[in-house]
Amino acid sequence: MLYPINDRSHFYILCLLIGIGTLILSCEEQTTTPTPSTMQDQEVIDDIPIVSGGTDSLPTDDNCNGIDDDQDGSIDEEILCLCIEAPTCYGAPLDTLGVGVCKEGLPTCDSAGEIWRGCEGWVGPTEEVCDLVDNDCDGSVDENFESCEIAPCQDETRPCLTEEIDIEGDCVTIECPADAPYPVACEIEFQGEDARGCVANTLGESVIFLKEGNDCGIGSVRGSLTCSTAPGSGLNAETCPMNKMIAFYPETGDQCPVDD
């Protein structure tokens, strides 16, 4: 059965179509246009700082595990933690722990030994310097420098010991001990009258040869010899001064003077 369409019917149909269209447009806007809050959250995620040289994981809340989870340079701060929850602690990215100089530390606790107060002794990555050490804990040593050399006796990695020299006679040999086998410096006083002196040593060898003038057995030798766990630059007028006007520093004893 058909019903006549009058002006009022047209009006109702038009309103219905307009309502459906408005609903469709509203849904499309919701699915294609991010809200301001959504855009703001995305910007915050994109701006999260990743510690240089560290892991690619995103920061999380600290959770009493002795690790700098939120990557802000502090360990388990602003939360109450028990010391027994983390027997060790480390404040840098975990992929640097145990690499180069980086090492974990121990927690410090309150007077009762129960509440976490901080972390002592941990060492994290720092800027690489020319010192034969992996400072930035990336597995490479002094990678930013063409050449690095530390003089012997300058730090605990190259300790030295000094032996006193007091020997009657001439044409004598002295040997550095096995725990510091490399001669790196000396001060020599020949007691004879000859103006010539000779200190012979092959770089990397533990024995030095001392001779005054061209004859053997006519004098005595005083002074000191410094030995190191690492080779130096060799014995010369700078590293091994002597009390003679004419000084020789050859590699072997047979290169010392033999003629008047």
Protein backbone atom coordinates (compact mmCIF):
# COMPACT_ATOMS: atom_id res chain seq x y z
CA MET A 1 0.00 0.00 0.00
CA LEU A 2 1.46 3.33 -0.95
CA TYR A 3 1.23 6.44 1.16
CA PRO A 4 1.29 9.89 -0.34
CA ILE A 5 4.41 11.93 0.20
CA ASN A 6 3.62 15.40 1.35
CA ASP A 7 5.82 18.32 2.43
CA ARG A 8 6.03 17.07 6.01
CA SER A 9 7.31 13.67 4.82
CA HIS A 10 10.01 15.33 2.77
CA PHE A 11 11.10 17.18 5.84
CA TYR A 12 11.44 14.03 7.98
CA ILE A 13 13.39 12.17 5.29
CA LEU A 14 15.79 15.07 4.85
CA CYS A 15 16.45 15.26 8.60
CA LEU A 16 17.16 11.51 8.72
CA LEU A 17 19.69 11.71 5.87
CA ILE A 18 21.45 14.70 7.43
CA GLY A 19 21.76 12.86 10.75
CA ILE A 20 23.28 9.75 9.15
CA GLY A 21 25.79 11.86 7.20
CA THR A 22 26.85 13.74 10.29
CA LEU A 23 27.43 10.45 12.16
CA ILE A 24 29.58 9.06 9.33
CA LEU A 25 31.74 12.19 9.18
CA SER A 26 32.19 12.15 12.94
CA CYS A 27 33.41 8.53 12.87
CA GLU A 28 35.90 9.25 10.08
CA GLU A 29 37.33 12.16 12.02
CA GLN A 30 37.77 10.00 15.11
CA THR A 31 39.68 7.33 13.17
CA THR A 32 41.94 9.59 11.11
CA THR A 33 42.68 12.63 13.22
CA PRO A 34 44.66 12.16 16.47
CA THR A 35 43.47 14.07 19.48
CA PRO A 36 45.75 16.67 21.06
CA SER A 37 46.44 14.35 23.99
CA THR A 38 47.44 11.53 21.63
CA MET A 39 49.84 13.83 19.77
CA GLN A 40 51.34 15.04 23.01
CA ASP A 41 51.92 11.49 24.28
CA GLN A 42 53.67 10.57 21.03
CA GLU A 43 55.98 13.57 21.29
CA VAL A 44 56.95 12.58 24.81
CA ILE A 45 57.85 9.07 23.68
CA ASP A 46 59.90 10.40 20.75
CA ASP A 47 61.81 12.76 23.04
CA ILE A 48 62.91 10.13 25.58
CA PRO A 49 66.70 10.45 25.93
CA ILE A 50 68.81 7.35 25.42
CA VAL A 51 72.08 7.41 27.36
CA SER A 52 75.00 7.74 24.97
CA GLY A 53 76.81 4.47 24.42
CA GLY A 54 74.12 2.52 26.28
CA THR A 55 71.29 0.16 25.56
CA ASP A 56 68.49 0.89 23.10
CA SER A 57 65.81 -0.04 25.67
CA LEU A 58 63.47 2.72 26.80
CA PRO A 59 63.57 4.03 30.37
CA THR A 60 61.20 2.47 32.88
CA ASP A 61 60.37 3.24 36.48
CA ASP A 62 62.99 2.38 39.09
CA ASN A 63 62.00 -0.80 40.91
CA CYS A 64 64.50 -1.59 43.71
CA ASN A 65 66.83 -3.72 41.58
CA GLY A 66 70.04 -1.71 41.96
CA ILE A 67 69.86 -0.51 38.34
CA ASP A 68 69.19 2.92 36.86
CA ASP A 69 66.00 1.82 35.09
CA ASP A 70 64.79 5.33 34.29
CA GLN A 71 68.23 6.30 32.91
CA ASP A 72 68.48 9.56 34.82
CA GLY A 73 71.92 8.92 36.33
CA SER A 74 70.58 7.88 39.75
CA ILE A 75 69.81 4.42 41.11
CA ASP A 76 66.46 3.59 42.75
CA GLU A 77 65.94 7.18 43.88
CA GLU A 78 62.73 8.50 45.46
CA ILE A 79 61.48 5.01 46.32
CA LEU A 80 61.85 2.98 49.50
CA CYS A 81 64.02 -0.10 48.90
CA LEU A 82 65.39 -2.81 51.17
CA CYS A 83 69.12 -3.49 50.95
CA ILE A 84 68.52 -7.21 50.53
CA GLU A 85 66.63 -6.57 47.28
CA ALA A 86 69.81 -5.71 45.34
CA PRO A 87 73.13 -7.17 46.56
CA THR A 88 75.00 -5.17 43.88
CA CYS A 89 74.21 -1.98 42.00
CA TYR A 90 75.13 -0.18 38.78
CA GLY A 91 74.09 3.24 37.53
CA ALA A 92 74.93 3.06 33.82
CA PRO A 93 73.47 1.08 30.88
CA LEU A 94 73.80 -2.64 31.54
CA ASP A 95 75.53 -3.36 28.23
CA THR A 96 78.57 -1.43 29.53
CA LEU A 97 78.86 -3.40 32.79
CA GLY A 98 82.06 -5.47 32.89
CA VAL A 99 83.46 -3.76 29.77
CA GLY A 100 86.63 -1.67 30.14
CA VAL A 101 86.75 0.15 33.46
CA CYS A 102 83.00 -0.19 34.10
CA LYS A 103 82.09 -2.22 37.16
CA GLU A 104 79.24 -2.65 39.62
CA GLY A 105 79.22 -1.32 43.18
CA LEU A 106 77.75 -2.24 46.54
CA PRO A 107 74.65 -0.76 48.15
CA THR A 108 74.95 1.51 51.16
CA CYS A 109 72.27 1.11 53.81
CA ASP A 110 70.90 2.92 56.83
CA SER A 111 72.30 2.39 60.34
CA ALA A 112 70.10 -0.66 60.79
CA GLY A 113 71.38 -2.19 57.57
CA GLU A 114 67.88 -2.47 56.12
CA ILE A 115 66.98 0.53 53.95
CA TRP A 116 68.77 1.39 50.70
CA ARG A 117 70.68 4.68 50.80
CA GLY A 118 72.82 4.61 47.66
CA CYS A 119 75.50 2.80 45.68
CA GLU A 120 79.24 2.98 46.32
CA GLY A 121 82.13 1.91 44.15
CA TRP A 122 80.41 1.58 40.80
CA VAL A 123 82.23 2.95 37.77
CA GLY A 124 80.40 3.91 34.61
CA PRO A 125 81.56 5.01 31.16
CA THR A 126 83.32 8.36 30.77
CA GLU A 127 84.88 10.16 27.84
CA GLU A 128 87.73 8.23 26.24
CA VAL A 129 91.19 9.63 27.02
CA CYS A 130 94.65 8.63 25.86
CA ASP A 131 95.65 6.32 28.72
CA LEU A 132 95.65 2.74 27.33
CA VAL A 133 92.30 2.11 29.10
CA ASP A 134 88.75 1.64 27.76
CA ASN A 135 87.19 4.62 29.58
CA ASP A 136 83.88 4.70 27.69
CA CYS A 137 83.36 0.94 28.07
CA ASP A 138 82.64 0.23 24.41
CA GLY A 139 85.17 -2.58 24.04
CA SER A 140 87.84 -0.45 22.33
CA VAL A 141 90.88 1.20 23.89
CA ASP A 142 91.90 4.76 22.92
CA GLU A 143 90.02 4.42 19.62
CA ASN A 144 89.88 8.19 19.12
CA PHE A 145 93.65 8.63 19.19
CA GLU A 146 96.30 7.68 16.64
CA SER A 147 98.89 6.72 19.25
CA CYS A 148 98.95 6.57 23.04
CA GLU A 149 101.98 5.91 25.18
CA ILE A 150 102.35 6.05 28.94
CA ALA A 151 105.82 6.53 30.33
CA PRO A 152 106.85 3.73 32.68
CA CYS A 153 106.44 4.39 36.41
CA GLN A 154 103.60 6.93 35.79
CA ASP A 155 100.69 4.86 37.11
CA GLU A 156 99.86 1.57 38.79
CA THR A 157 99.61 -0.22 35.44
CA ARG A 158 103.36 0.24 34.91
CA PRO A 159 104.99 0.11 38.34
CA CYS A 160 108.73 0.47 38.82
CA LEU A 161 111.37 -0.40 41.37
CA THR A 162 114.78 1.12 41.85
CA GLU A 163 117.92 -0.88 42.63
CA GLU A 164 121.00 0.73 44.18
CA ILE A 165 124.28 0.15 42.34
CA ASP A 166 127.51 -0.20 44.31
CA ILE A 167 129.96 -2.46 42.49
CA GLU A 168 133.71 -2.69 42.76
CA GLY A 169 135.33 -3.15 39.39
CA ASP A 170 134.50 -2.23 35.83
CA CYS A 171 133.01 -3.92 32.75
CA VAL A 172 130.14 -5.19 34.88
CA THR A 173 126.60 -6.28 34.11
CA ILE A 174 123.42 -5.64 36.09
CA GLU A 175 120.09 -7.37 35.48
CA CYS A 176 116.60 -6.21 36.35
CA PRO A 177 114.50 -8.70 38.38
CA ALA A 178 111.87 -10.92 36.78
CA ASP A 179 108.93 -8.98 38.25
CA ALA A 180 110.19 -5.74 36.65
CA PRO A 181 112.46 -6.91 33.83
CA TYR A 182 112.94 -3.72 31.80
CA PRO A 183 115.64 -1.09 32.54
CA VAL A 184 114.01 2.30 32.00
CA ALA A 185 116.30 4.74 33.83
CA CYS A 186 119.56 4.96 35.73
CA GLU A 187 122.07 7.36 37.29
CA ILE A 188 125.67 6.24 36.97
CA GLU A 189 128.85 7.45 38.69
CA PHE A 190 132.06 5.88 37.49
CA GLN A 191 134.81 6.24 40.11
CA GLY A 192 137.86 6.10 37.82
CA GLU A 193 139.85 8.84 36.11
CA ASP A 194 138.91 8.16 32.49
CA ALA A 195 136.68 10.80 30.83
CA ARG A 196 134.67 8.16 29.00
CA GLY A 197 131.76 6.10 30.23
CA CYS A 198 129.54 3.52 28.55
CA VAL A 199 126.08 2.17 29.39
CA ALA A 200 124.97 -0.58 26.98
CA ASN A 201 121.47 -2.04 26.76
CA THR A 202 119.31 -3.49 24.02
CA LEU A 203 115.76 -2.14 24.27
CA GLY A 204 113.55 -4.85 25.74
CA GLU A 205 116.42 -6.78 27.32
CA SER A 206 116.83 -6.96 31.11
CA VAL A 207 120.66 -6.69 31.30
CA ILE A 208 122.76 -3.53 31.11
CA PHE A 209 126.54 -3.37 30.70
CA LEU A 210 128.67 -0.69 32.39
CA LYS A 211 132.20 0.24 31.41
CA GLU A 212 134.52 3.17 32.12
CA GLY A 213 137.13 4.05 29.51
CA ASN A 214 138.67 1.21 27.55
CA ASP A 215 140.09 -0.94 30.33
CA CYS A 216 138.26 -3.28 32.66
CA GLY A 217 138.75 -3.71 36.38
CA ILE A 218 140.32 -0.32 37.08
CA GLY A 219 137.50 1.41 38.99
CA SER A 220 134.07 1.01 40.55
CA VAL A 221 130.49 1.98 39.78
CA ARG A 222 127.93 3.71 41.99
CA GLY A 223 124.40 4.91 41.31
CA SER A 224 120.95 3.44 40.76
CA LEU A 225 118.97 1.48 38.19
CA THR A 226 115.20 1.78 37.74
CA CYS A 227 113.36 -1.26 36.37
CA SER A 228 109.77 -1.46 35.13
CA THR A 229 107.13 -3.97 34.13
CA ALA A 230 106.95 -2.28 30.71
CA PRO A 231 109.69 -1.22 28.29
CA GLY A 232 110.63 2.44 28.20
CA SER A 233 112.20 4.51 25.46
CA GLY A 234 115.70 3.14 26.05
CA LEU A 235 118.71 4.24 28.09
CA ASN A 236 120.27 7.48 26.89
CA ALA A 237 121.72 10.74 28.19
CA GLU A 238 118.27 11.87 29.31
CA THR A 239 117.08 8.69 31.01
CA CYS A 240 120.48 7.58 32.31
CA PRO A 241 122.87 10.47 32.99
CA MET A 242 126.47 9.70 33.98
CA ASN A 243 129.37 11.69 35.41
CA LYS A 244 131.55 11.50 32.30
CA MET A 245 132.22 14.14 29.67
CA ILE A 246 132.17 11.53 26.89
CA ALA A 247 129.19 9.22 27.21
CA PHE A 248 128.29 6.21 25.09
CA TYR A 249 124.90 4.43 24.98
CA PRO A 250 125.22 1.53 22.53
CA GLU A 251 123.04 -1.57 22.39
CA THR A 252 125.80 -4.06 23.29
CA GLY A 253 128.93 -4.01 25.43
CA ASP A 254 131.27 -4.76 22.55
CA GLN A 255 130.36 -1.34 21.12
CA CYS A 256 131.87 0.44 24.13
CA PRO A 257 135.36 2.02 23.70
CA VAL A 258 138.24 -0.44 23.38
CA ASP A 259 141.07 1.89 22.34
CA ASP A 260 142.79 4.77 24.08
